[in-house]
Amino acid sequence: MLKASLIAGISLTIATLPVSAQVLYSGSRNTSFSTQGWTSVIPAGTESIFGGGTTLNTTRANDLRAGYSIFRPLNRSQGYTLSFDLQLLAESHISLNRAGFSIIALSSDRRGIELGFWKNDPIVRDRIWAQNDGATRATRFTRGEGTPFDPSRRIVRYELSVKDNRYGLFADRTLVLSGNLRNYSIEGTPYNLPNFVFLGDNTTSAQGSVRITRVALSNTAIPFASSTARMASASVTSVPEPITIVGTGFAVALGRLFAKKRPSRDRK
């Protein structure tokens, strides 16, 4: 159980997601994300569908990238909650600013958040953390605030709640991370696409395996108090790596999402 001291100073109010939440992916159907309306890029051997969920596995090599995207209305003024049930089975990285599994949610005005998930790291305590934005390339896509909550121990229901300029990440109804939304749009596609959701491995500097059993969206935010999230101290400085895709209207060609994007000097 996460000790209260780890999230000291964060007051929270838990609310139940309304029954009208739209299920975007249901593992109980034992069908693929693409069958359920997502755009997918899945290299051979990286996706397994069985037992009420999907396992996405890119652990054969760092250069393997795979994931799922979908567009749904995400109005941050109104508030919304993206929930996802998952367990991080394996993950490794060669940069302290990259993760083998990430979640991206961009609101209708393109402000949003990208969260990276780690299984462990010998230097950094955090296991789930936010990607920074910034006016210069040197500050963008570097590690921001994080939480030591362990995403590898079991399947957990995460609820990423967004309201106005803030986000809060709940794990089984407990607030574990919060902070300000980011504006990554200067990096171009897909970060300039409104109402965009992505789950997967979008980097050449990490690899991971994740079990996903459910994804849902509610147009209501879970109330959480504004607070200053605990900021992780970045141990390295590296050249950022935005993901790259080509979109036409609301159809996203994820084929270029995983184009090589990082200079070798970032491979630390």
Protein backbone atom coordinates (compact mmCIF):
# COMPACT_ATOMS: atom_id res chain seq x y z
CA MET A 1 0.00 0.00 0.00
CA LEU A 2 1.27 3.47 -0.83
CA LYS A 3 2.21 5.25 2.39
CA ALA A 4 0.44 8.51 3.10
CA SER A 5 3.81 10.21 3.55
CA LEU A 6 4.59 9.69 -0.11
CA ILE A 7 1.72 11.95 -1.11
CA ALA A 8 1.80 14.27 1.88
CA GLY A 9 0.33 17.65 1.18
CA ILE A 10 -2.06 16.36 -1.46
CA SER A 11 -5.66 16.56 -0.33
CA LEU A 12 -8.16 14.68 -2.41
CA THR A 13 -11.81 14.02 -2.88
CA ILE A 14 -12.80 10.75 -4.50
CA ALA A 15 -15.79 10.65 -6.79
CA THR A 16 -17.25 7.71 -8.63
CA LEU A 17 -17.12 7.77 -12.40
CA PRO A 18 -20.64 8.14 -13.75
CA VAL A 19 -22.31 5.10 -15.24
CA SER A 20 -22.38 6.93 -18.57
CA ALA A 21 -18.61 6.47 -19.00
CA GLN A 22 -17.89 5.31 -22.55
CA VAL A 23 -15.88 2.11 -22.76
CA LEU A 24 -13.25 2.57 -25.47
CA TYR A 25 -11.66 -0.86 -25.10
CA SER A 26 -13.06 -3.90 -23.32
CA GLY A 27 -10.72 -6.84 -22.82
CA SER A 28 -13.69 -9.05 -21.96
CA ARG A 29 -14.56 -9.10 -25.67
CA ASN A 30 -11.24 -10.84 -26.41
CA THR A 31 -10.81 -8.80 -29.59
CA SER A 32 -8.05 -6.41 -30.63
CA PHE A 33 -7.89 -2.67 -30.07
CA SER A 34 -8.20 -2.18 -33.83
CA THR A 35 -11.39 -4.24 -33.90
CA GLN A 36 -12.78 -1.93 -31.22
CA GLY A 37 -12.13 1.27 -33.17
CA TRP A 38 -8.53 2.17 -32.36
CA THR A 39 -5.79 2.90 -34.88
CA SER A 40 -2.95 0.48 -34.20
CA VAL A 41 0.63 -0.09 -35.23
CA ILE A 42 1.60 -3.54 -34.04
CA PRO A 43 4.83 -5.11 -35.35
CA ALA A 44 4.71 -8.90 -35.64
CA GLY A 45 4.89 -10.65 -32.32
CA THR A 46 4.18 -7.64 -30.12
CA GLU A 47 0.44 -8.13 -29.43
CA SER A 48 -1.28 -11.03 -27.66
CA ILE A 49 -5.03 -11.14 -27.04
CA PHE A 50 -6.23 -13.67 -24.49
CA GLY A 51 -7.98 -14.12 -21.15
CA GLY A 52 -9.87 -10.84 -21.10
CA GLY A 53 -7.19 -8.42 -22.23
CA THR A 54 -4.34 -7.46 -24.54
CA THR A 55 -0.63 -7.76 -23.82
CA LEU A 56 1.58 -5.35 -25.76
CA ASN A 57 5.23 -6.45 -25.70
CA THR A 58 8.19 -4.59 -27.21
CA THR A 59 10.89 -6.19 -25.04
CA ARG A 60 12.68 -7.89 -27.95
CA ALA A 61 14.54 -4.64 -28.68
CA ASN A 62 14.52 -0.94 -27.86
CA ASP A 63 13.88 -0.14 -31.52
CA LEU A 64 10.51 -1.92 -31.41
CA ARG A 65 7.67 0.56 -31.07
CA ALA A 66 3.97 -0.22 -30.93
CA GLY A 67 0.75 1.33 -29.73
CA TYR A 68 -2.83 2.43 -30.11
CA SER A 69 -4.49 5.81 -30.74
CA ILE A 70 -8.04 7.09 -30.81
CA PHE A 71 -9.83 10.45 -31.02
CA ARG A 72 -12.58 11.37 -28.57
CA PRO A 73 -13.87 14.79 -27.39
CA LEU A 74 -11.67 15.93 -24.48
CA ASN A 75 -12.90 19.26 -23.10
CA ARG A 76 -10.68 20.33 -20.22
CA SER A 77 -12.96 23.25 -19.27
CA GLN A 78 -15.81 20.83 -18.76
CA GLY A 79 -13.48 18.20 -17.34
CA TYR A 80 -12.95 14.58 -18.28
CA THR A 81 -11.52 11.34 -16.93
CA LEU A 82 -9.64 8.76 -18.98
CA SER A 83 -9.50 5.46 -17.10
CA PHE A 84 -7.33 2.49 -17.97
CA ASP A 85 -6.86 -0.87 -16.27
CA LEU A 86 -3.34 -2.19 -16.73
CA GLN A 87 -0.28 -3.86 -15.28
CA LEU A 88 3.27 -3.11 -16.41
CA LEU A 89 4.80 -6.57 -16.79
CA ALA A 90 8.31 -5.52 -17.82
CA GLU A 91 10.16 -2.32 -18.72
CA SER A 92 13.70 -1.08 -19.24
CA HIS A 93 15.18 2.16 -20.55
CA ILE A 94 18.55 3.60 -21.52
CA SER A 95 17.52 7.21 -20.95
CA LEU A 96 16.11 8.69 -17.75
CA ASN A 97 13.74 10.74 -19.91
CA ARG A 98 12.12 7.82 -21.73
CA ALA A 99 9.74 5.00 -20.78
CA GLY A 100 8.82 1.67 -22.34
CA PHE A 101 5.11 2.44 -21.91
CA SER A 102 3.41 5.84 -22.13
CA ILE A 103 -0.06 7.38 -22.05
CA ILE A 104 -0.86 10.59 -23.95
CA ALA A 105 -4.08 12.60 -23.57
CA LEU A 106 -4.43 15.89 -25.49
CA SER A 107 -7.50 18.06 -24.92
CA SER A 108 -9.56 19.86 -27.56
CA ASP A 109 -7.19 22.87 -27.37
CA ARG A 110 -4.15 20.54 -27.53
CA ARG A 111 -3.14 21.03 -23.90
CA GLY A 112 -2.63 17.71 -22.19
CA ILE A 113 -0.18 15.36 -20.55
CA GLU A 114 2.14 12.49 -21.42
CA LEU A 115 2.91 10.04 -18.61
CA GLY A 116 5.72 7.47 -18.70
CA PHE A 117 5.61 4.18 -16.77
CA TRP A 118 8.68 2.41 -15.34
CA LYS A 119 9.07 -0.89 -13.53
CA ASN A 120 12.24 0.18 -11.72
CA ASP A 121 15.33 2.34 -11.98
CA PRO A 122 18.58 2.21 -9.97
CA ILE A 123 18.83 6.01 -9.76
CA VAL A 124 15.33 7.48 -9.78
CA ARG A 125 12.66 6.58 -7.25
CA ASP A 126 9.66 7.52 -9.37
CA ARG A 127 7.78 4.88 -11.37
CA ILE A 128 5.16 7.02 -13.13
CA TRP A 129 6.15 10.50 -14.28
CA ALA A 130 5.17 13.38 -16.55
CA GLN A 131 6.97 14.60 -19.67
CA ASN A 132 7.87 18.30 -19.59
CA ASP A 133 7.10 20.86 -22.26
CA GLY A 134 9.16 24.02 -22.78
CA ALA A 135 10.04 26.91 -25.02
CA THR A 136 13.29 25.28 -26.13
CA ARG A 137 13.97 21.82 -27.43
CA ALA A 138 16.46 21.18 -24.63
CA THR A 139 13.71 21.32 -21.99
CA ARG A 140 10.98 19.48 -23.86
CA PHE A 141 10.33 15.80 -23.23
CA THR A 142 12.44 15.64 -20.11
CA ARG A 143 11.27 14.01 -16.91
CA GLY A 144 8.98 16.13 -14.73
CA GLU A 145 6.94 15.39 -11.62
CA GLY A 146 6.50 11.75 -10.67
CA THR A 147 5.27 9.23 -8.13
CA PRO A 148 6.89 6.07 -6.68
CA PHE A 149 3.62 4.17 -7.10
CA ASP A 150 4.57 0.79 -8.59
CA PRO A 151 2.61 -0.04 -11.78
CA SER A 152 4.04 -3.55 -12.02
CA ARG A 153 2.59 -5.27 -8.97
CA ARG A 154 -0.90 -6.05 -10.34
CA ILE A 155 -3.63 -4.77 -12.64
CA VAL A 156 -4.68 -1.36 -11.34
CA ARG A 157 -7.47 0.94 -12.45
CA TYR A 158 -5.88 4.30 -13.22
CA GLU A 159 -8.04 7.38 -13.69
CA LEU A 160 -6.42 10.35 -15.39
CA SER A 161 -8.68 13.25 -14.47
CA VAL A 162 -8.35 16.62 -16.22
CA LYS A 163 -9.99 19.91 -15.25
CA ASP A 164 -9.03 23.36 -16.52
CA ASN A 165 -5.20 23.49 -16.43
CA ARG A 166 -4.61 20.61 -14.00
CA TYR A 167 -4.48 16.83 -14.10
CA GLY A 168 -4.66 14.22 -11.37
CA LEU A 169 -3.76 10.55 -11.67
CA PHE A 170 -5.66 8.18 -9.40
CA ALA A 171 -4.67 4.55 -8.79
CA ASP A 172 -7.55 2.47 -7.43
CA ARG A 173 -9.27 5.69 -6.25
CA THR A 174 -6.17 7.12 -4.53
CA LEU A 175 -4.53 10.26 -5.89
CA VAL A 176 -0.88 9.44 -6.61
CA LEU A 177 0.22 12.27 -8.92
CA SER A 178 -0.96 15.71 -9.98
CA GLY A 179 0.35 18.71 -11.84
CA ASN A 180 -0.20 21.26 -14.57
CA LEU A 181 -1.14 20.31 -18.10
CA ARG A 182 1.51 20.77 -20.78
CA ASN A 183 1.52 22.24 -24.26
CA TYR A 184 3.66 20.04 -26.51
CA SER A 185 2.14 21.33 -29.75
CA ILE A 186 5.31 23.10 -30.92
CA GLU A 187 6.71 19.62 -31.67
CA GLY A 188 4.07 19.09 -34.37
CA THR A 189 2.15 15.91 -35.09
CA PRO A 190 0.73 14.27 -33.03
CA TYR A 191 1.15 16.83 -30.27
CA ASN A 192 -0.78 19.43 -32.26
CA LEU A 193 -3.77 17.11 -32.75
CA PRO A 194 -6.83 17.86 -30.60
CA ASN A 195 -8.75 15.17 -28.71
CA PHE A 196 -5.93 12.64 -29.09
CA VAL A 197 -5.32 9.57 -26.92
CA PHE A 198 -2.34 7.22 -27.23
CA LEU A 199 -1.22 4.13 -25.29
CA GLY A 200 2.00 2.31 -26.11
CA ASP A 201 5.77 2.38 -26.58
CA ASN A 202 6.77 5.41 -28.68
CA THR A 203 10.53 5.51 -28.11
CA THR A 204 13.71 3.88 -29.37
CA SER A 205 15.36 4.28 -25.97
CA ALA A 206 13.12 1.96 -23.94
CA GLN A 207 11.08 -1.22 -24.14
CA GLY A 208 8.18 -2.66 -22.21
CA SER A 209 5.41 -5.19 -21.81
CA VAL A 210 1.99 -4.16 -20.53
CA ARG A 211 -1.29 -5.96 -19.90
CA ILE A 212 -4.37 -3.82 -20.67
CA THR A 213 -7.89 -4.98 -19.82
CA ARG A 214 -10.04 -1.85 -20.11
CA VAL A 215 -10.02 1.78 -21.29
CA ALA A 216 -12.93 4.16 -20.71
CA LEU A 217 -13.74 7.86 -20.94
CA SER A 218 -16.07 10.03 -18.87
CA ASN A 219 -16.92 13.68 -19.53
CA THR A 220 -16.69 14.36 -15.79
CA ALA A 221 -13.53 15.08 -13.83
CA ILE A 222 -12.84 13.43 -10.50
CA PRO A 223 -12.50 16.33 -8.05
CA PHE A 224 -9.00 16.85 -6.73
CA ALA A 225 -7.47 19.80 -4.89
CA SER A 226 -4.97 22.00 -6.65
CA SER A 227 -1.57 21.20 -5.25
CA THR A 228 2.04 21.36 -6.25
CA ALA A 229 3.13 17.90 -7.33
CA ARG A 230 6.40 16.53 -6.06
CA MET A 231 9.00 17.30 -8.71
CA ALA A 232 11.56 14.67 -9.66
CA SER A 233 15.14 15.82 -9.92
CA ALA A 234 16.35 15.11 -13.44
CA SER A 235 19.64 13.24 -13.36
CA VAL A 236 20.46 13.65 -17.04
CA THR A 237 19.96 16.22 -19.75
CA SER A 238 19.13 14.84 -23.15
CA VAL A 239 17.81 15.75 -26.55
CA PRO A 240 14.02 15.32 -26.46
CA GLU A 241 12.20 12.78 -28.58
CA PRO A 242 8.67 13.66 -29.66
CA ILE A 243 6.63 10.98 -31.35
CA THR A 244 5.82 11.57 -35.00
CA ILE A 245 2.68 10.60 -36.87
CA VAL A 246 0.80 11.79 -39.91
CA GLY A 247 -2.86 12.62 -39.45
CA THR A 248 -5.57 13.44 -41.95
CA GLY A 249 -8.63 14.79 -40.20
CA PHE A 250 -9.58 12.27 -37.56
CA ALA A 251 -7.81 9.35 -39.19
CA VAL A 252 -4.29 8.96 -37.85
CA ALA A 253 -1.65 7.05 -39.77
CA LEU A 254 0.40 5.67 -36.91
CA GLY A 255 2.88 4.26 -39.36
CA ARG A 256 5.15 7.27 -38.84
CA LEU A 257 4.51 7.52 -35.12
CA PHE A 258 7.49 5.31 -34.55
CA ALA A 259 9.91 6.79 -37.09
CA LYS A 260 13.41 7.12 -35.66
CA LYS A 261 13.45 10.41 -33.81
CA ARG A 262 16.40 10.53 -31.46
CA PRO A 263 20.06 11.39 -32.01
CA SER A 264 22.40 8.72 -30.67
CA ARG A 265 23.79 11.18 -28.12
CA ASP A 266 20.52 10.81 -26.18
CA ARG A 267 21.15 7.12 -25.68
CA LYS A 268 22.27 7.31 -22.07
